[in-house]
Amino acid sequence: MVLLLADSVTGLLWPPLVARGEESAAPWQRLFERARRAGLDWDRIRGVTSDGAQGIIAFLRQTLGWVQHQRCVPRHLRWRAAPGQVWHIWRNLAGDLAQAMAQAAANVASDLEDEVRAQVRAELVVLIHGVIDAHSYEQAEVALVALLSHPQGAAIGQFLNQHLDRILVHLVAYYAGLPRVTPEWYWRDFRLRLSRGRNHRSDIRLERAALVWAIYHNFEPAQWRSERKQHYRHPGQSPLQVAGVPPGAITYLDALGV
């Protein structure tokens, strides 16, 4: 798999890394070391947003102990996590939510099962949003108590309580601006542009494609015109330009030549 580190302020991509897995600290150590050699100042990092992969959590704890970890919190429940996967918060909650709906419908008449499931799901989703989308820790605590008090909300409430600090890091003033969602669109861009989603057949070829794409991304200016669902924070500017090192007349092809 390709591990990627992006600067949330400028959109700059640090050199990616191909690893066999993400559950140990070693590949994340190599990724951050590679970024440091490319110019990333570790001492200036305040927070990191990622999914719940244990490898990056272990790396941050061991090496960057002062850095806060913000768990990725998409706004909607769209996917169900496979057993054993620790992904984005809503993916984690999907299994517990489905189990809560099944428990609520277990002792009702068959013709009422769908109605009960839908009602329980709607109630729990509102309570979950009250926790993870709270505007303050105080609001989140109040919403968490309400969730734990729901007849089917205990398991979900316990999970959110366990991860509450990592879910709400962005509310602390010192970490203002830390994104709540990992930049999944980078993977879409990687697949659709230079990679085209094909199987690269070897780690070396995959890493080469990822590096080419990262260089392309850093040099390519964002378009001026906003789209229906896409608005650019720095229209007409490349990530390098936003970072204060405009490439000028040099293109990404020139950089590849170097």
Foldseek 3Di string as FASTA:
>chain_A
DKDWDADLQLRATQQIADDPDQQAQVVVVVRVVSRVVVPDDLVPAAEDEAFDRNRVVVNCVVPVVNYAYAYAEDPDQDEADDPPDGGGPSNPCPVLLVVLLCVQLVPDDPVCSVVSSVVSSVVLVVLVCQQLVPLDNVSNVVSLVVQCPDPSRVVVSVVCVVCSCNSCVCNDPVNPPDDNHDPPVLVVCLCVPQVVVDDLPDSVSVSVSSRLSSLQQQQDAADQDADPPGDDPHHRGGSCVSVPRHPPPDHSVNVVVD
